[in-house]
Amino acid sequence: MENSYKYFENHGCKYYPCHKNVENINCMFCYCPMYGEKNCLGNPKFIESKGKIIKDCSDCLFPHIPENYDKIMEYLRNIIFEKS
């Protein structure tokens, strides 16, 4: 896939690939912009750590799938609209 404003792959990153056995991993959302949202579009797990419930996204590939760029952007627009 060609790098664009919707997609890029950073082979030079020391963490690349952050997920194994995935082709065309989109590094655009290396840090997921939906992490802070309880009801995100991905498939996180909620685990207990040190007496707190935390969001574990280590098995979620949703933001790294190139075709999900538009879905993520729409989700973020809706969140911003709801908060304003």
C-alpha atoms as a PDB file:
ATOM      1  CA  MET A   1       0.000   0.000   0.000  1.00  0.00           C
ATOM      2  CA  GLU A   2       1.274   3.481  -0.841  1.00  0.00           C
ATOM      3  CA  ASN A   3       1.954   6.002   1.951  1.00  0.00           C
ATOM      4  CA  SER A   4      -0.661   8.771   2.031  1.00  0.00           C
ATOM      5  CA  TYR A   5      -2.497  11.047   4.436  1.00  0.00           C
ATOM      6  CA  LYS A   6      -4.612   8.025   5.440  1.00  0.00           C
ATOM      7  CA  TYR A   7      -1.827   5.496   5.692  1.00  0.00           C
ATOM      8  CA  PHE A   8       1.859   5.118   6.318  1.00  0.00           C
ATOM      9  CA  GLU A   9       4.078   2.328   7.442  1.00  0.00           C
ATOM     10  CA  ASN A  10       7.215   3.197   9.412  1.00  0.00           C
ATOM     11  CA  HIS A  11       9.680   0.371   8.875  1.00  0.00           C
ATOM     12  CA  GLY A  12      12.370   2.442  10.625  1.00  0.00           C
ATOM     13  CA  CYS A  13      10.519   2.509  13.955  1.00  0.00           C
ATOM     14  CA  LYS A  14      12.211   0.527  16.720  1.00  0.00           C
ATOM     15  CA  TYR A  15       8.803  -0.939  17.647  1.00  0.00           C
ATOM     16  CA  TYR A  16       7.910  -1.988  14.093  1.00  0.00           C
ATOM     17  CA  PRO A  17       6.107  -4.249  13.707  1.00  0.00           C
ATOM     18  CA  CYS A  18       4.117  -3.664  16.890  1.00  0.00           C
ATOM     19  CA  HIS A  19       1.752  -6.505  15.978  1.00  0.00           C
ATOM     20  CA  LYS A  20       2.962  -9.782  14.521  1.00  0.00           C
ATOM     21  CA  ASN A  21       1.550 -11.513  11.435  1.00  0.00           C
ATOM     22  CA  VAL A  22      -0.131  -8.375  10.050  1.00  0.00           C
ATOM     23  CA  GLU A  23       0.450  -7.096   6.542  1.00  0.00           C
ATOM     24  CA  ASN A  24      -0.004  -3.413   5.661  1.00  0.00           C
ATOM     25  CA  ILE A  25      -0.050  -2.222   9.261  1.00  0.00           C
ATOM     26  CA  ASN A  26      -1.068   1.424   9.418  1.00  0.00           C
ATOM     27  CA  CYS A  27       1.261   3.388  11.693  1.00  0.00           C
ATOM     28  CA  MET A  28      -0.886   6.532  11.352  1.00  0.00           C
ATOM     29  CA  PHE A  29      -2.543   5.763  14.680  1.00  0.00           C
ATOM     30  CA  CYS A  30       0.464   4.332  16.478  1.00  0.00           C
ATOM     31  CA  TYR A  31      -1.041   5.771  19.635  1.00  0.00           C
ATOM     32  CA  CYS A  32      -4.735   5.051  19.295  1.00  0.00           C
ATOM     33  CA  PRO A  33      -6.820   8.244  19.410  1.00  0.00           C
ATOM     34  CA  MET A  34      -9.694   6.203  20.855  1.00  0.00           C
ATOM     35  CA  TYR A  35      -7.720   4.884  23.833  1.00  0.00           C
ATOM     36  CA  GLY A  36      -9.359   7.258  26.279  1.00  0.00           C
ATOM     37  CA  GLU A  37     -12.859   6.276  25.184  1.00  0.00           C
ATOM     38  CA  LYS A  38     -14.613   3.429  26.982  1.00  0.00           C
ATOM     39  CA  ASN A  39     -16.754   2.550  23.948  1.00  0.00           C
ATOM     40  CA  CYS A  40     -14.201   2.676  21.152  1.00  0.00           C
ATOM     41  CA  LEU A  41     -14.459   0.952  17.777  1.00  0.00           C
ATOM     42  CA  GLY A  42     -11.833  -1.658  18.584  1.00  0.00           C
ATOM     43  CA  ASN A  43     -11.911  -4.769  20.705  1.00  0.00           C
ATOM     44  CA  PRO A  44     -10.098  -3.934  23.935  1.00  0.00           C
ATOM     45  CA  LYS A  45     -10.051  -6.017  27.055  1.00  0.00           C
ATOM     46  CA  PHE A  46     -10.529  -4.510  30.490  1.00  0.00           C
ATOM     47  CA  ILE A  47      -8.228  -6.023  33.053  1.00  0.00           C
ATOM     48  CA  GLU A  48      -7.406  -5.426  36.692  1.00  0.00           C
ATOM     49  CA  SER A  49      -3.977  -4.093  37.500  1.00  0.00           C
ATOM     50  CA  LYS A  50      -2.921  -2.925  40.960  1.00  0.00           C
ATOM     51  CA  GLY A  51      -6.542  -2.712  42.077  1.00  0.00           C
ATOM     52  CA  LYS A  52      -7.686  -0.654  39.083  1.00  0.00           C
ATOM     53  CA  ILE A  53      -9.493  -1.609  35.896  1.00  0.00           C
ATOM     54  CA  ILE A  54      -7.438  -0.606  32.869  1.00  0.00           C
ATOM     55  CA  LYS A  55      -8.000  -0.830  29.141  1.00  0.00           C
ATOM     56  CA  ASP A  56      -5.733  -3.365  27.418  1.00  0.00           C
ATOM     57  CA  CYS A  57      -5.556  -2.798  23.671  1.00  0.00           C
ATOM     58  CA  SER A  58      -2.560  -5.027  22.999  1.00  0.00           C
ATOM     59  CA  ASP A  59      -4.576  -7.452  20.849  1.00  0.00           C
ATOM     60  CA  CYS A  60      -6.582  -4.763  19.016  1.00  0.00           C
ATOM     61  CA  LEU A  61      -5.674  -4.106  15.396  1.00  0.00           C
ATOM     62  CA  PHE A  62      -8.581  -1.796  14.506  1.00  0.00           C
ATOM     63  CA  PRO A  63      -6.565   1.457  14.203  1.00  0.00           C
ATOM     64  CA  HIS A  64      -3.835  -0.304  12.243  1.00  0.00           C
ATOM     65  CA  ILE A  65      -6.106  -1.601   9.470  1.00  0.00           C
ATOM     66  CA  PRO A  66      -5.832   0.870   6.567  1.00  0.00           C
ATOM     67  CA  GLU A  67      -9.507   0.621   5.633  1.00  0.00           C
ATOM     68  CA  ASN A  68     -10.556   1.852   9.103  1.00  0.00           C
ATOM     69  CA  TYR A  69      -9.125   5.374   8.730  1.00  0.00           C
ATOM     70  CA  ASP A  70     -12.453   6.933   7.685  1.00  0.00           C
ATOM     71  CA  LYS A  71     -14.341   5.095  10.444  1.00  0.00           C
ATOM     72  CA  ILE A  72     -11.924   6.411  13.065  1.00  0.00           C
ATOM     73  CA  MET A  73     -12.114   9.969  11.750  1.00  0.00           C
ATOM     74  CA  GLU A  74     -15.932   9.873  11.779  1.00  0.00           C
ATOM     75  CA  TYR A  75     -15.892   8.463  15.326  1.00  0.00           C
ATOM     76  CA  LEU A  76     -13.587  11.274  16.480  1.00  0.00           C
ATOM     77  CA  ARG A  77     -15.726  13.943  14.788  1.00  0.00           C
ATOM     78  CA  ASN A  78     -18.779  12.581  16.626  1.00  0.00           C
ATOM     79  CA  ILE A  79     -16.968  12.661  19.969  1.00  0.00           C
ATOM     80  CA  ILE A  80     -15.865  16.257  19.437  1.00  0.00           C
ATOM     81  CA  PHE A  81     -19.405  17.225  18.417  1.00  0.00           C
ATOM     82  CA  GLU A  82     -20.894  15.552  21.499  1.00  0.00           C
ATOM     83  CA  LYS A  83     -18.461  17.291  23.847  1.00  0.00           C
ATOM     84  CA  SER A  84     -19.069  20.771  22.423  1.00  0.00           C
END
